[in-house]
């Protein structure tokens, strides 16, 4: 199943995409379907109820809606740094012995087609294509082998990074959490329809390919990440985890390359689709 959040005629609610790209209005078929993705995922029967609703849901032309991030305001947005060997190498860092964890702010999350801001305070805005997963059940002390039971599904992310601010903050957080710097979507694809395996992951800036790899090159896989995070704190339905980016980031280019207003950045992951966002100057009243 491919779960989405969309806005239609001023109302934001949960829906689903068919394999052919048609949008299904779940709440029109079942008014008990929660309007927000987090509420849906907190329900024990949420995804199964959504499956049943999809069988009778009317279609809405995708052109008539605005797609939001599938989880517009996650409770937690967590990310793993230096999680591809080639990216660690291009960054001049040793291969980490444990996951390198940092947080992005929930207000950084935006959906497909939403603008990414070049902030007033920096021009060093970089891209990072990432496989993301969304938690579907409360998880604490979960072993890697059991992690699949706690995952609602997978989606595409772009860990936009403000490099100068990342460098001057020892925890990285300031450079990773600017508003609009967490594009996510278009859909949460449930594990019965997608397993990471060796899916291709690529990123393009204005159709120029900057990153290309496969997600089986992760140093710490999804199960290991869930085990490590849940050893420290409870993961809850709707929490989003960015799993890391492969080589090819702009700051590692010679000379460095950064996003600028007028660019379009697109992340593709085989089996999950594509996430595309325009880059604009931060408006005077953001």
Protein backbone atom coordinates (compact mmCIF):
# COMPACT_ATOMS: atom_id res chain seq x y z
CA UNK A 1 0.00 0.00 0.00
CA UNK A 2 1.11 3.55 -0.74
CA UNK A 3 -0.16 5.95 1.90
CA UNK A 4 -0.15 9.71 1.30
CA UNK A 5 -1.28 12.95 2.87
CA UNK A 6 -2.94 15.45 0.54
CA UNK A 7 -4.88 18.70 0.59
CA UNK A 8 -8.03 19.03 -1.50
CA UNK A 9 -10.38 22.01 -1.43
CA UNK A 10 -8.74 23.33 1.74
CA UNK A 11 -8.94 20.04 3.68
CA UNK A 12 -5.89 17.92 4.47
CA UNK A 13 -6.40 14.21 4.94
CA UNK A 14 -4.97 10.73 4.40
CA UNK A 15 -5.20 8.88 1.12
CA UNK A 16 -3.57 6.17 -0.94
CA UNK A 17 -2.00 5.91 -4.35
CA UNK A 18 -2.66 3.04 -6.71
CA UNK A 19 0.18 1.46 -8.67
CA UNK A 20 -0.96 3.47 -11.68
CA UNK A 21 -0.76 6.75 -9.75
CA UNK A 22 -4.46 7.34 -9.08
CA UNK A 23 -5.31 9.01 -5.77
CA UNK A 24 -7.84 7.34 -3.48
CA UNK A 25 -9.74 9.36 -0.88
CA UNK A 26 -9.84 6.94 2.06
CA UNK A 27 -12.05 9.02 4.32
CA UNK A 28 -14.72 9.26 1.65
CA UNK A 29 -15.09 5.47 1.86
CA UNK A 30 -14.63 5.22 5.63
CA UNK A 31 -15.20 8.37 7.73
CA UNK A 32 -13.53 6.59 10.68
CA UNK A 33 -10.18 6.76 8.89
CA UNK A 34 -8.20 9.39 10.85
CA UNK A 35 -7.44 12.59 8.93
CA UNK A 36 -3.76 12.64 9.91
CA UNK A 37 -1.12 10.02 9.18
CA UNK A 38 0.13 9.91 12.76
CA UNK A 39 -3.38 9.18 14.05
CA UNK A 40 -3.77 6.46 11.42
CA UNK A 41 -0.48 4.82 12.39
CA UNK A 42 -1.30 4.94 16.11
CA UNK A 43 -4.37 2.79 15.49
CA UNK A 44 -3.65 -0.92 15.78
CA UNK A 45 -5.93 -1.55 12.81
CA UNK A 46 -5.03 1.65 10.95
CA UNK A 47 -3.26 0.26 7.89
CA UNK A 48 -5.63 -2.70 7.53
CA UNK A 49 -8.59 -0.36 7.76
CA UNK A 50 -7.00 1.83 5.12
CA UNK A 51 -6.57 -1.22 2.86
CA UNK A 52 -10.26 -2.03 3.12
CA UNK A 53 -11.26 1.58 2.54
CA UNK A 54 -9.11 1.70 -0.58
CA UNK A 55 -11.27 -0.99 -2.17
CA UNK A 56 -14.27 1.38 -2.17
CA UNK A 57 -12.58 4.80 -2.22
CA UNK A 58 -13.45 7.30 -4.95
CA UNK A 59 -10.61 8.68 -7.02
CA UNK A 60 -9.54 12.31 -7.05
CA UNK A 61 -7.50 13.57 -10.03
CA UNK A 62 -3.96 14.09 -8.68
CA UNK A 63 -3.81 17.39 -10.55
CA UNK A 64 -6.58 18.72 -8.28
CA UNK A 65 -4.67 18.21 -5.03
CA UNK A 66 -1.54 19.36 -3.26
CA UNK A 67 0.52 16.47 -1.95
CA UNK A 68 1.97 17.05 1.49
CA UNK A 69 4.76 15.13 3.18
CA UNK A 70 3.24 11.74 4.07
CA UNK A 71 3.89 12.60 7.74
CA UNK A 72 3.69 16.41 7.75
CA UNK A 73 4.78 16.91 11.38
CA UNK A 74 6.53 13.83 12.78
CA UNK A 75 7.04 13.62 16.50
CA UNK A 76 10.71 12.82 15.92
CA UNK A 77 12.89 13.22 12.85
CA UNK A 78 16.10 11.25 13.27
CA UNK A 79 18.98 10.79 10.85
CA UNK A 80 22.11 8.71 10.49
CA UNK A 81 25.34 10.33 9.34
CA UNK A 82 28.24 8.77 7.41
CA UNK A 83 26.23 5.60 6.73
CA UNK A 84 27.65 4.78 3.29
CA UNK A 85 31.32 3.84 3.06
CA UNK A 86 31.87 5.96 -0.03
CA UNK A 87 30.33 9.02 1.63
CA UNK A 88 32.47 8.56 4.74
CA UNK A 89 35.52 8.37 2.47
CA UNK A 90 34.66 11.51 0.51
CA UNK A 91 34.07 13.31 3.82
CA UNK A 92 37.51 12.28 5.09
CA UNK A 93 35.99 10.38 8.02
CA UNK A 94 36.69 6.90 9.38
CA UNK A 95 33.99 4.25 9.06
CA UNK A 96 31.87 4.65 12.21
CA UNK A 97 31.71 1.78 14.68
CA UNK A 98 28.19 2.72 15.76
CA UNK A 99 25.45 4.72 14.02
CA UNK A 100 26.11 8.47 14.01
CA UNK A 101 22.75 9.89 15.10
CA UNK A 102 21.48 13.44 14.83
CA UNK A 103 18.08 15.09 14.85
CA UNK A 104 16.31 17.21 12.27
CA UNK A 105 13.49 19.50 13.35
CA UNK A 106 9.87 18.53 12.57
CA UNK A 107 9.40 21.98 11.00
CA UNK A 108 11.97 21.08 8.33
CA UNK A 109 9.60 18.54 6.75
CA UNK A 110 8.00 19.47 3.43
CA UNK A 111 6.28 17.43 0.76
CA UNK A 112 6.89 16.74 -2.92
CA UNK A 113 6.80 19.87 -5.05
CA UNK A 114 7.16 22.14 -2.04
CA UNK A 115 9.95 24.72 -2.24
CA UNK A 116 13.29 24.28 -0.52
CA UNK A 117 14.64 27.59 0.76
CA UNK A 118 18.10 29.01 0.28
CA UNK A 119 18.18 30.69 3.70
CA UNK A 120 19.10 34.30 4.29
CA UNK A 121 22.12 33.30 6.39
CA UNK A 122 23.96 30.94 4.04
CA UNK A 123 24.66 29.99 0.43
CA UNK A 124 26.16 26.59 1.35
CA UNK A 125 22.98 24.55 0.82
CA UNK A 126 23.73 20.93 -0.08
CA UNK A 127 21.75 17.86 -1.15
CA UNK A 128 21.66 14.34 0.33
CA UNK A 129 19.50 11.60 -1.21
CA UNK A 130 18.22 9.23 1.46
CA UNK A 131 16.07 6.18 2.02
CA UNK A 132 13.73 6.90 4.95
CA UNK A 133 11.48 4.72 7.03
CA UNK A 134 8.46 5.53 9.17
CA UNK A 135 7.75 3.85 12.50
CA UNK A 136 4.37 2.11 12.77
CA UNK A 137 4.40 0.77 16.36
CA UNK A 138 5.92 1.85 19.66
CA UNK A 139 9.40 0.40 19.72
CA UNK A 140 11.73 0.03 22.70
CA UNK A 141 14.62 -2.43 22.97
CA UNK A 142 13.79 -3.93 19.59
CA UNK A 143 16.26 -6.42 18.13
CA UNK A 144 17.38 -5.91 14.54
CA UNK A 145 15.79 -9.18 13.43
CA UNK A 146 12.40 -8.00 14.72
CA UNK A 147 12.57 -4.44 13.35
CA UNK A 148 10.35 -5.10 10.31
CA UNK A 149 7.36 -5.56 12.62
CA UNK A 150 7.73 -1.96 13.81
CA UNK A 151 8.06 -0.26 10.43
CA UNK A 152 4.96 1.22 8.78
CA UNK A 153 6.80 1.68 5.51
CA UNK A 154 9.48 3.39 3.48
CA UNK A 155 9.71 6.70 1.69
CA UNK A 156 12.19 9.05 0.02
CA UNK A 157 13.98 11.88 1.79
CA UNK A 158 16.45 14.63 1.00
CA UNK A 159 18.58 15.62 3.98
CA UNK A 160 19.21 19.20 2.86
CA UNK A 161 22.23 20.49 4.76
CA UNK A 162 23.51 24.00 5.40
CA UNK A 163 27.19 23.11 5.46
CA UNK A 164 28.71 26.16 7.14
CA UNK A 165 26.16 25.96 9.95
CA UNK A 166 26.66 22.20 10.22
CA UNK A 167 30.41 22.69 10.64
CA UNK A 168 30.24 25.42 13.27
CA UNK A 169 27.87 23.35 15.45
CA UNK A 170 29.57 20.25 16.96
CA UNK A 171 26.28 18.33 17.03
CA UNK A 172 25.44 19.10 13.34
CA UNK A 173 21.87 19.87 14.33
CA UNK A 174 21.84 23.55 13.40
CA UNK A 175 22.96 22.81 9.86
CA UNK A 176 20.49 19.97 9.41
CA UNK A 177 17.20 21.37 10.67
CA UNK A 178 16.50 24.61 8.78
CA UNK A 179 12.89 25.12 7.70
CA UNK A 180 12.03 23.27 4.45
CA UNK A 181 15.26 21.24 4.61
CA UNK A 182 13.59 17.86 5.05
CA UNK A 183 11.73 17.02 1.82
CA UNK A 184 9.86 13.74 2.26
CA UNK A 185 7.56 11.65 0.11
CA UNK A 186 5.67 11.15 -2.02
CA UNK A 187 4.21 8.09 -0.22
CA UNK A 188 4.81 5.65 2.63
CA UNK A 189 5.17 2.30 0.86
CA UNK A 190 4.36 -0.60 3.19
CA UNK A 191 6.90 -3.43 3.66
CA UNK A 192 4.73 -5.93 1.78
CA UNK A 193 5.30 -3.82 -1.36
CA UNK A 194 8.89 -2.68 -0.80
CA UNK A 195 12.01 -4.09 0.80
CA UNK A 196 15.19 -2.00 0.58
CA UNK A 197 17.34 -4.82 -0.81
CA UNK A 198 19.67 -3.34 -3.40
CA UNK A 199 17.30 -0.68 -4.72
CA UNK A 200 19.00 2.05 -6.73
CA UNK A 201 19.12 5.52 -5.19
CA UNK A 202 19.98 8.55 -7.32
CA UNK A 203 19.86 12.32 -7.03
CA UNK A 204 19.69 14.88 -9.82
CA UNK A 205 20.11 18.64 -9.81
CA UNK A 206 18.52 20.09 -12.94
CA UNK A 207 18.68 16.60 -14.55
CA UNK A 208 22.43 16.38 -13.85
CA UNK A 209 23.03 13.19 -11.84
CA UNK A 210 25.02 13.93 -8.68
CA UNK A 211 24.56 10.73 -6.63
CA UNK A 212 24.09 7.11 -7.68
CA UNK A 213 24.31 4.02 -5.47
CA UNK A 214 22.28 1.15 -4.05
CA UNK A 215 20.80 1.06 -0.57
CA UNK A 216 22.48 -2.25 0.22
CA UNK A 217 25.66 -0.19 0.61
CA UNK A 218 24.42 1.14 3.96
CA UNK A 219 26.93 0.47 6.73
CA UNK A 220 24.12 0.08 9.27
CA UNK A 221 20.94 -1.40 7.83
CA UNK A 222 17.40 -0.56 8.85
CA UNK A 223 17.22 -3.29 11.48
CA UNK A 224 20.48 -2.23 13.10
CA UNK A 225 19.32 1.39 13.15
CA UNK A 226 16.03 0.49 14.85
CA UNK A 227 17.86 -1.64 17.42
CA UNK A 228 20.34 1.13 18.22
CA UNK A 229 17.80 3.96 18.45
CA UNK A 230 15.23 1.98 20.44
CA UNK A 231 17.90 1.08 23.00
CA UNK A 232 18.00 4.73 23.99
CA UNK A 233 14.43 5.94 23.68
CA UNK A 234 10.99 4.92 22.54
CA UNK A 235 10.24 5.21 18.85
CA UNK A 236 6.60 6.07 18.21
CA UNK A 237 4.19 5.79 15.27
CA UNK A 238 4.91 8.50 12.72
CA UNK A 239 8.55 9.02 13.71
CA UNK A 240 10.74 9.36 10.60
CA UNK A 241 14.30 8.12 10.21
CA UNK A 242 16.66 9.24 7.42
CA UNK A 243 19.16 6.40 6.91
CA UNK A 244 22.13 8.19 5.33
CA UNK A 245 23.39 9.34 1.95
CA UNK A 246 25.87 7.92 -0.58
CA UNK A 247 28.83 9.73 -2.13
CA UNK A 248 28.29 12.68 -4.42
CA UNK A 249 27.30 15.51 -2.09
CA UNK A 250 28.04 19.03 -3.26
CA UNK A 251 30.49 19.99 -0.52
CA UNK A 252 32.81 17.15 -1.59
CA UNK A 253 33.01 18.39 -5.19
CA UNK A 254 36.08 20.32 -6.31
CA UNK A 255 35.21 23.13 -6.25
CA UNK A 256 32.22 22.68 -3.92
CA UNK A 257 28.79 22.91 -5.52
CA UNK A 258 25.65 24.09 -3.75
CA UNK A 259 21.99 24.50 -4.53
CA UNK A 260 20.83 27.90 -5.73
CA UNK A 261 17.49 29.52 -6.42
CA UNK A 262 16.06 28.26 -9.70
CA UNK A 263 17.43 24.73 -9.30
CA UNK A 264 15.27 21.63 -9.17
CA UNK A 265 16.47 18.71 -7.05
CA UNK A 266 15.07 15.21 -7.56
CA UNK A 267 15.68 12.00 -5.59
CA UNK A 268 14.74 8.66 -7.12
CA UNK A 269 14.64 5.33 -5.29
CA UNK A 270 13.75 2.23 -7.25
CA UNK A 271 10.38 0.96 -6.04
CA UNK A 272 9.49 4.16 -4.17
CA UNK A 273 9.24 6.65 -7.02
CA UNK A 274 10.65 10.17 -7.13
CA UNK A 275 10.72 13.20 -4.84
CA UNK A 276 11.22 16.52 -6.62
CA UNK A 277 11.47 20.00 -5.12
CA UNK A 278 12.19 23.46 -6.53
CA UNK A 279 14.84 25.60 -4.84
CA UNK A 280 13.92 29.23 -4.11
CA UNK A 281 15.22 32.14 -2.10
CA UNK A 282 13.73 32.23 1.39
CA UNK A 283 10.90 34.78 1.22
CA UNK A 284 11.08 37.94 3.28
CA UNK A 285 8.25 36.60 5.45
CA UNK A 286 8.87 32.86 5.63
